[in-house]
């Protein structure tokens, strides 16, 4: 099984898009809920260099913090479909 982590925010439509793709591909992942305030998102900033979500980490493939839902969905399709 892949070693995937997703940094997300509850109610975020971009995060939901990524989660839908993870579910479609039947991929297990560890979820990290981030605070609403961008100023409090130290953990996701340390991983990706920015405070937006979603952010995907795929330790098995050297992805240390991929932002942007469209890029993440494309990556998941290319890598795990």
PDB file of N, CA and C in Angstrom:
ATOM      1  N   UNK A   1       0.831  -1.195   0.000  1.00  0.00           N
ATOM      2  CA  UNK A   1       0.000   0.000   0.000  1.00  0.00           C
ATOM      3  C   UNK A   1       0.873   1.255   0.000  1.00  0.00           C
ATOM      4  N   UNK A   2       0.471   2.275  -0.739  1.00  0.00           N
ATOM      5  CA  UNK A   2       1.227   3.521  -0.761  1.00  0.00           C
ATOM      6  C   UNK A   2       1.231   4.192   0.609  1.00  0.00           C
ATOM      7  N   UNK A   3       2.246   4.961   0.849  1.00  0.00           N
ATOM      8  CA  UNK A   3       2.389   5.704   2.093  1.00  0.00           C
ATOM      9  C   UNK A   3       1.990   7.152   1.813  1.00  0.00           C
ATOM     10  N   UNK A   4       0.667   7.418   1.765  1.00  0.00           N
ATOM     11  CA  UNK A   4       0.141   8.724   1.378  1.00  0.00           C
ATOM     12  C   UNK A   4      -0.357   9.497   2.588  1.00  0.00           C
ATOM     13  N   UNK A   5      -0.141  10.814   2.555  1.00  0.00           N
ATOM     14  CA  UNK A   5      -0.663  11.713   3.574  1.00  0.00           C
ATOM     15  C   UNK A   5      -1.323  12.886   2.863  1.00  0.00           C
ATOM     16  N   UNK A   6      -2.466  13.306   3.387  1.00  0.00           N
ATOM     17  CA  UNK A   6      -3.190  14.435   2.808  1.00  0.00           C
ATOM     18  C   UNK A   6      -3.431  15.484   3.880  1.00  0.00           C
ATOM     19  N   UNK A   7      -2.960  16.692   3.614  1.00  0.00           N
ATOM     20  CA  UNK A   7      -3.238  17.834   4.478  1.00  0.00           C
ATOM     21  C   UNK A   7      -4.479  18.497   3.913  1.00  0.00           C
ATOM     22  N   UNK A   8      -5.496  18.641   4.766  1.00  0.00           N
ATOM     23  CA  UNK A   8      -6.787  19.118   4.272  1.00  0.00           C
ATOM     24  C   UNK A   8      -7.483  19.977   5.312  1.00  0.00           C
ATOM     25  N   UNK A   9      -8.573  20.596   4.873  1.00  0.00           N
ATOM     26  CA  UNK A   9      -9.397  21.450   5.717  1.00  0.00           C
ATOM     27  C   UNK A   9     -10.834  20.990   5.542  1.00  0.00           C
ATOM     28  N   UNK A  10     -11.520  20.797   6.640  1.00  0.00           N
ATOM     29  CA  UNK A  10     -12.917  20.361   6.568  1.00  0.00           C
ATOM     30  C   UNK A  10     -13.753  21.373   5.793  1.00  0.00           C
ATOM     31  N   UNK A  11     -14.559  20.884   4.866  1.00  0.00           N
ATOM     32  CA  UNK A  11     -15.412  21.747   4.067  1.00  0.00           C
ATOM     33  C   UNK A  11     -14.739  22.338   2.837  1.00  0.00           C
ATOM     34  N   UNK A  12     -13.496  22.017   2.609  1.00  0.00           N
ATOM     35  CA  UNK A  12     -12.752  22.545   1.461  1.00  0.00           C
ATOM     36  C   UNK A  12     -13.123  21.760   0.203  1.00  0.00           C
ATOM     37  N   UNK A  13     -13.682  22.413  -0.818  1.00  0.00           N
ATOM     38  CA  UNK A  13     -14.081  21.682  -2.028  1.00  0.00           C
ATOM     39  C   UNK A  13     -12.894  21.107  -2.801  1.00  0.00           C
ATOM     40  N   UNK A  14     -11.747  21.761  -2.740  1.00  0.00           N
ATOM     41  CA  UNK A  14     -10.561  21.254  -3.432  1.00  0.00           C
ATOM     42  C   UNK A  14     -10.039  19.994  -2.742  1.00  0.00           C
ATOM     43  N   UNK A  15     -10.126  19.995  -1.427  1.00  0.00           N
ATOM     44  CA  UNK A  15      -9.736  18.801  -0.662  1.00  0.00           C
ATOM     45  C   UNK A  15     -10.695  17.652  -0.970  1.00  0.00           C
ATOM     46  N   UNK A  16     -11.983  17.964  -1.054  1.00  0.00           N
ATOM     47  CA  UNK A  16     -12.991  16.940  -1.354  1.00  0.00           C
ATOM     48  C   UNK A  16     -12.730  16.297  -2.715  1.00  0.00           C
ATOM     49  N   UNK A  17     -12.296  17.095  -3.668  1.00  0.00           N
ATOM     50  CA  UNK A  17     -11.975  16.591  -4.999  1.00  0.00           C
ATOM     51  C   UNK A  17     -10.845  15.563  -4.938  1.00  0.00           C
ATOM     52  N   UNK A  18      -9.810  15.856  -4.149  1.00  0.00           N
ATOM     53  CA  UNK A  18      -8.685  14.935  -3.989  1.00  0.00           C
ATOM     54  C   UNK A  18      -9.127  13.683  -3.235  1.00  0.00           C
ATOM     55  N   UNK A  19      -9.912  13.852  -2.185  1.00  0.00           N
ATOM     56  CA  UNK A  19     -10.388  12.709  -1.409  1.00  0.00           C
ATOM     57  C   UNK A  19     -11.253  11.787  -2.271  1.00  0.00           C
ATOM     58  N   UNK A  20     -12.055  12.380  -3.146  1.00  0.00           N
ATOM     59  CA  UNK A  20     -12.890  11.577  -4.057  1.00  0.00           C
ATOM     60  C   UNK A  20     -12.003  10.716  -4.951  1.00  0.00           C
ATOM     61  N   UNK A  21     -10.928  11.267  -5.474  1.00  0.00           N
ATOM     62  CA  UNK A  21     -10.017  10.511  -6.337  1.00  0.00           C
ATOM     63  C   UNK A  21      -9.305   9.419  -5.542  1.00  0.00           C
ATOM     64  N   UNK A  22      -8.874   9.726  -4.321  1.00  0.00           N
ATOM     65  CA  UNK A  22      -8.250   8.714  -3.471  1.00  0.00           C
ATOM     66  C   UNK A  22      -9.218   7.555  -3.226  1.00  0.00           C
ATOM     67  N   UNK A  23     -10.493   7.872  -2.982  1.00  0.00           N
ATOM     68  CA  UNK A  23     -11.505   6.837  -2.754  1.00  0.00           C
ATOM     69  C   UNK A  23     -11.773   6.039  -4.028  1.00  0.00           C
ATOM     70  N   UNK A  24     -11.859   6.732  -5.175  1.00  0.00           N
ATOM     71  CA  UNK A  24     -12.082   6.048  -6.455  1.00  0.00           C
ATOM     72  C   UNK A  24     -10.984   5.030  -6.743  1.00  0.00           C
ATOM     73  N   UNK A  25      -9.757   5.391  -6.375  1.00  0.00           N
ATOM     74  CA  UNK A  25      -8.612   4.517  -6.618  1.00  0.00           C
ATOM     75  C   UNK A  25      -8.384   3.540  -5.462  1.00  0.00           C
ATOM     76  N   UNK A  26      -9.257   3.604  -4.461  1.00  0.00           N
ATOM     77  CA  UNK A  26      -9.197   2.718  -3.292  1.00  0.00           C
ATOM     78  C   UNK A  26      -7.835   2.798  -2.605  1.00  0.00           C
ATOM     79  N   UNK A  27      -7.359   4.034  -2.425  1.00  0.00           N
ATOM     80  CA  UNK A  27      -6.056   4.263  -1.801  1.00  0.00           C
ATOM     81  C   UNK A  27      -6.236   4.673  -0.341  1.00  0.00           C
ATOM     82  N   UNK A  28      -5.490   4.049   0.540  1.00  0.00           N
ATOM     83  CA  UNK A  28      -5.472   4.446   1.942  1.00  0.00           C
ATOM     84  C   UNK A  28      -4.536   5.637   2.092  1.00  0.00           C
ATOM     85  N   UNK A  29      -4.891   6.522   3.003  1.00  0.00           N
ATOM     86  CA  UNK A  29      -4.055   7.693   3.257  1.00  0.00           C
ATOM     87  C   UNK A  29      -4.276   8.167   4.682  1.00  0.00           C
ATOM     88  N   UNK A  30      -3.291   8.879   5.186  1.00  0.00           N
ATOM     89  CA  UNK A  30      -3.407   9.486   6.503  1.00  0.00           C
ATOM     90  C   UNK A  30      -3.835  10.934   6.317  1.00  0.00           C
ATOM     91  N   UNK A  31      -4.906  11.315   7.004  1.00  0.00           N
ATOM     92  CA  UNK A  31      -5.433  12.672   6.903  1.00  0.00           C
ATOM     93  C   UNK A  31      -4.865  13.541   8.015  1.00  0.00           C
ATOM     94  N   UNK A  32      -4.451  14.758   7.636  1.00  0.00           N
ATOM     95  CA  UNK A  32      -4.006  15.767   8.604  1.00  0.00           C
ATOM     96  C   UNK A  32      -4.916  16.981   8.417  1.00  0.00           C
ATOM     97  N   UNK A  33      -5.803  17.215   9.382  1.00  0.00           N
ATOM     98  CA  UNK A  33      -6.669  18.394   9.322  1.00  0.00           C
ATOM     99  C   UNK A  33      -5.871  19.614   9.769  1.00  0.00           C
ATOM    100  N   UNK A  34      -5.936  20.673   8.985  1.00  0.00           N
ATOM    101  CA  UNK A  34      -5.200  21.896   9.309  1.00  0.00           C
ATOM    102  C   UNK A  34      -6.166  22.935   9.877  1.00  0.00           C
ATOM    103  N   UNK A  35      -5.644  23.893  10.655  1.00  0.00           N
ATOM    104  CA  UNK A  35      -6.496  24.961  11.196  1.00  0.00           C
ATOM    105  C   UNK A  35      -7.055  25.852  10.086  1.00  0.00           C
ATOM    106  N   UNK A  36      -8.177  26.503  10.360  1.00  0.00           N
ATOM    107  CA  UNK A  36      -8.773  27.423   9.388  1.00  0.00           C
ATOM    108  C   UNK A  36      -7.851  28.605   9.089  1.00  0.00           C
ATOM    109  N   UNK A  37      -7.187  29.104  10.110  1.00  0.00           N
ATOM    110  CA  UNK A  37      -6.317  30.272   9.958  1.00  0.00           C
ATOM    111  C   UNK A  37      -5.006  29.891   9.263  1.00  0.00           C
ATOM    112  N   UNK A  38      -4.721  30.575   8.162  1.00  0.00           N
ATOM    113  CA  UNK A  38      -3.464  30.311   7.441  1.00  0.00           C
ATOM    114  C   UNK A  38      -2.253  30.534   8.340  1.00  0.00           C
ATOM    115  N   UNK A  39      -2.348  31.478   9.263  1.00  0.00           N
ATOM    116  CA  UNK A  39      -1.245  31.786  10.151  1.00  0.00           C
ATOM    117  C   UNK A  39      -0.909  30.667  11.131  1.00  0.00           C
ATOM    118  N   UNK A  40      -1.832  29.729  11.291  1.00  0.00           N
ATOM    119  CA  UNK A  40      -1.619  28.617  12.221  1.00  0.00           C
ATOM    120  C   UNK A  40      -1.270  27.308  11.508  1.00  0.00           C
ATOM    121  N   UNK A  41      -1.035  27.362  10.225  1.00  0.00           N
ATOM    122  CA  UNK A  41      -0.781  26.142   9.438  1.00  0.00           C
ATOM    123  C   UNK A  41       0.715  25.842   9.306  1.00  0.00           C
ATOM    124  N   UNK A  42       1.400  25.835  10.436  1.00  0.00           N
ATOM    125  CA  UNK A  42       2.847  25.616  10.434  1.00  0.00           C
ATOM    126  C   UNK A  42       3.221  24.251   9.861  1.00  0.00           C
ATOM    127  N   UNK A  43       2.428  23.227  10.185  1.00  0.00           N
ATOM    128  CA  UNK A  43       2.755  21.866   9.754  1.00  0.00           C
ATOM    129  C   UNK A  43       2.716  21.737   8.229  1.00  0.00           C
ATOM    130  N   UNK A  44       1.665  22.242   7.606  1.00  0.00           N
ATOM    131  CA  UNK A  44       1.565  22.138   6.144  1.00  0.00           C
ATOM    132  C   UNK A  44       2.595  23.049   5.469  1.00  0.00           C
ATOM    133  N   UNK A  45       2.895  24.187   6.080  1.00  0.00           N
ATOM    134  CA  UNK A  45       3.912  25.080   5.509  1.00  0.00           C
ATOM    135  C   UNK A  45       5.291  24.427   5.540  1.00  0.00           C
ATOM    136  N   UNK A  46       5.576  23.691   6.606  1.00  0.00           N
ATOM    137  CA  UNK A  46       6.865  22.997   6.714  1.00  0.00           C
ATOM    138  C   UNK A  46       7.004  21.923   5.639  1.00  0.00           C
ATOM    139  N   UNK A  47       5.889  21.302   5.277  1.00  0.00           N
ATOM    140  CA  UNK A  47       5.900  20.228   4.281  1.00  0.00           C
ATOM    141  C   UNK A  47       5.968  20.776   2.863  1.00  0.00           C
ATOM    142  N   UNK A  48       5.196  21.833   2.592  1.00  0.00           N
ATOM    143  CA  UNK A  48       5.025  22.273   1.206  1.00  0.00           C
ATOM    144  C   UNK A  48       5.569  23.663   0.899  1.00  0.00           C
ATOM    145  N   UNK A  49       5.939  24.440   1.920  1.00  0.00           N
ATOM    146  CA  UNK A  49       6.420  25.790   1.677  1.00  0.00           C
ATOM    147  C   UNK A  49       5.312  26.804   1.498  1.00  0.00           C
ATOM    148  N   UNK A  50       4.061  26.396   1.669  1.00  0.00           N
ATOM    149  CA  UNK A  50       2.921  27.310   1.559  1.00  0.00           C
ATOM    150  C   UNK A  50       1.835  26.845   2.520  1.00  0.00           C
ATOM    151  N   UNK A  51       0.789  27.646   2.680  1.00  0.00           N
ATOM    152  CA  UNK A  51      -0.226  27.327   3.684  1.00  0.00           C
ATOM    153  C   UNK A  51      -1.553  26.876   3.100  1.00  0.00           C
ATOM    154  N   UNK A  52      -1.643  26.812   1.780  1.00  0.00           N
ATOM    155  CA  UNK A  52      -2.887  26.367   1.152  1.00  0.00           C
ATOM    156  C   UNK A  52      -3.046  24.858   1.230  1.00  0.00           C
ATOM    157  N   UNK A  53      -4.270  24.411   1.122  1.00  0.00           N
ATOM    158  CA  UNK A  53      -4.580  22.985   1.061  1.00  0.00           C
ATOM    159  C   UNK A  53      -5.479  22.732  -0.137  1.00  0.00           C
ATOM    160  N   UNK A  54      -5.497  21.533  -0.659  1.00  0.00           N
ATOM    161  CA  UNK A  54      -4.861  20.322  -0.161  1.00  0.00           C
ATOM    162  C   UNK A  54      -3.374  20.251  -0.515  1.00  0.00           C
ATOM    163  N   UNK A  55      -2.674  19.426   0.257  1.00  0.00           N
ATOM    164  CA  UNK A  55      -1.273  19.104  -0.016  1.00  0.00           C
ATOM    165  C   UNK A  55      -1.118  17.600   0.155  1.00  0.00           C
ATOM    166  N   UNK A  56      -0.493  16.965  -0.834  1.00  0.00           N
ATOM    167  CA  UNK A  56      -0.267  15.524  -0.800  1.00  0.00           C
ATOM    168  C   UNK A  56       1.201  15.222  -0.543  1.00  0.00           C
ATOM    169  N   UNK A  57       1.435  14.234   0.312  1.00  0.00           N
ATOM    170  CA  UNK A  57       2.771  13.697   0.534  1.00  0.00           C
ATOM    171  C   UNK A  57       2.716  12.226   0.152  1.00  0.00           C
ATOM    172  N   UNK A  58       3.633  11.802  -0.711  1.00  0.00           N
ATOM    173  CA  UNK A  58       3.749  10.393  -1.109  1.00  0.00           C
ATOM    174  C   UNK A  58       5.191   9.979  -0.850  1.00  0.00           C
ATOM    175  N   UNK A  59       5.424   9.484   0.358  1.00  0.00           N
ATOM    176  CA  UNK A  59       6.788   9.144   0.772  1.00  0.00           C
ATOM    177  C   UNK A  59       7.413   8.064  -0.099  1.00  0.00           C
ATOM    178  N   UNK A  60       6.616   7.160  -0.640  1.00  0.00           N
ATOM    179  CA  UNK A  60       7.142   6.078  -1.460  1.00  0.00           C
ATOM    180  C   UNK A  60       7.719   6.565  -2.784  1.00  0.00           C
ATOM    181  N   UNK A  61       7.236   7.716  -3.262  1.00  0.00           N
ATOM    182  CA  UNK A  61       7.674   8.233  -4.559  1.00  0.00           C
ATOM    183  C   UNK A  61       8.380   9.581  -4.466  1.00  0.00           C
ATOM    184  N   UNK A  62       8.787   9.979  -3.272  1.00  0.00           N
ATOM    185  CA  UNK A  62       9.557  11.208  -3.122  1.00  0.00           C
ATOM    186  C   UNK A  62       8.763  12.485  -3.272  1.00  0.00           C
ATOM    187  N   UNK A  63       7.442  12.416  -3.149  1.00  0.00           N
ATOM    188  CA  UNK A  63       6.604  13.623  -3.217  1.00  0.00           C
ATOM    189  C   UNK A  63       6.491  14.166  -1.802  1.00  0.00           C
ATOM    190  N   UNK A  64       7.154  15.280  -1.544  1.00  0.00           N
ATOM    191  CA  UNK A  64       7.261  15.793  -0.182  1.00  0.00           C
ATOM    192  C   UNK A  64       6.218  16.839   0.162  1.00  0.00           C
ATOM    193  N   UNK A  65       5.450  17.304  -0.781  1.00  0.00           N
ATOM    194  CA  UNK A  65       4.428  18.306  -0.487  1.00  0.00           C
ATOM    195  C   UNK A  65       3.867  18.899  -1.755  1.00  0.00           C
ATOM    196  N   UNK A  66       3.009  18.151  -2.447  1.00  0.00           N
ATOM    197  CA  UNK A  66       2.440  18.613  -3.718  1.00  0.00           C
ATOM    198  C   UNK A  66       1.146  19.386  -3.452  1.00  0.00           C
ATOM    199  N   UNK A  67       1.102  20.682  -3.819  1.00  0.00           N
ATOM    200  CA  UNK A  67      -0.127  21.463  -3.679  1.00  0.00           C
ATOM    201  C   UNK A  67      -0.970  21.380  -4.959  1.00  0.00           C
ATOM    202  N   UNK A  68      -2.108  22.043  -4.943  1.00  0.00           N
ATOM    203  CA  UNK A  68      -3.007  22.182  -6.101  1.00  0.00           C
ATOM    204  C   UNK A  68      -3.771  20.895  -6.393  1.00  0.00           C
ATOM    205  N   UNK A  69      -5.073  20.947  -6.190  1.00  0.00           N
ATOM    206  CA  UNK A  69      -5.916  19.759  -6.330  1.00  0.00           C
ATOM    207  C   UNK A  69      -5.842  19.134  -7.720  1.00  0.00           C
ATOM    208  N   UNK A  70      -5.841  19.936  -8.767  1.00  0.00           N
ATOM    209  CA  UNK A  70      -5.779  19.379 -10.126  1.00  0.00           C
ATOM    210  C   UNK A  70      -4.476  18.610 -10.349  1.00  0.00           C
ATOM    211  N   UNK A  71      -3.372  19.146  -9.854  1.00  0.00           N
ATOM    212  CA  UNK A  71      -2.076  18.471  -9.988  1.00  0.00           C
ATOM    213  C   UNK A  71      -2.062  17.165  -9.197  1.00  0.00           C
ATOM    214  N   UNK A  72      -2.657  17.202  -8.004  1.00  0.00           N
ATOM    215  CA  UNK A  72      -2.693  16.001  -7.167  1.00  0.00           C
ATOM    216  C   UNK A  72      -3.534  14.913  -7.830  1.00  0.00           C
ATOM    217  N   UNK A  73      -4.712  15.273  -8.326  1.00  0.00           N
ATOM    218  CA  UNK A  73      -5.589  14.303  -8.985  1.00  0.00           C
ATOM    219  C   UNK A  73      -4.889  13.695 -10.197  1.00  0.00           C
ATOM    220  N   UNK A  74      -4.239  14.528 -11.000  1.00  0.00           N
ATOM    221  CA  UNK A  74      -3.509  14.037 -12.173  1.00  0.00           C
ATOM    222  C   UNK A  74      -2.387  13.082 -11.748  1.00  0.00           C
ATOM    223  N   UNK A  75      -1.654  13.461 -10.731  1.00  0.00           N
ATOM    224  CA  UNK A  75      -0.571  12.614 -10.214  1.00  0.00           C
ATOM    225  C   UNK A  75      -1.115  11.263  -9.747  1.00  0.00           C
ATOM    226  N   UNK A  76      -2.194  11.286  -8.990  1.00  0.00           N
ATOM    227  CA  UNK A  76      -2.775  10.025  -8.482  1.00  0.00           C
ATOM    228  C   UNK A  76      -3.218   9.134  -9.634  1.00  0.00           C
ATOM    229  N   UNK A  77      -3.839   9.717 -10.652  1.00  0.00           N
ATOM    230  CA  UNK A  77      -4.286   8.932 -11.816  1.00  0.00           C
ATOM    231  C   UNK A  77      -3.090   8.310 -12.536  1.00  0.00           C
ATOM    232  N   UNK A  78      -2.055   9.115 -12.752  1.00  0.00           N
ATOM    233  CA  UNK A  78      -0.886   8.624 -13.481  1.00  0.00           C
ATOM    234  C   UNK A  78      -0.106   7.577 -12.694  1.00  0.00           C
ATOM    235  N   UNK A  79      -0.083   7.716 -11.383  1.00  0.00           N
ATOM    236  CA  UNK A  79       0.750   6.864 -10.551  1.00  0.00           C
ATOM    237  C   UNK A  79       0.026   5.609 -10.077  1.00  0.00           C
ATOM    238  N   UNK A  80      -1.267   5.723  -9.776  1.00  0.00           N
ATOM    239  CA  UNK A  80      -1.966   4.615  -9.102  1.00  0.00           C
ATOM    240  C   UNK A  80      -3.158   4.039  -9.848  1.00  0.00           C
ATOM    241  N   UNK A  81      -3.551   4.634 -10.979  1.00  0.00           N
ATOM    242  CA  UNK A  81      -4.724   4.108 -11.706  1.00  0.00           C
ATOM    243  C   UNK A  81      -4.398   2.820 -12.430  1.00  0.00           C
TER     244      UNK A  81
END
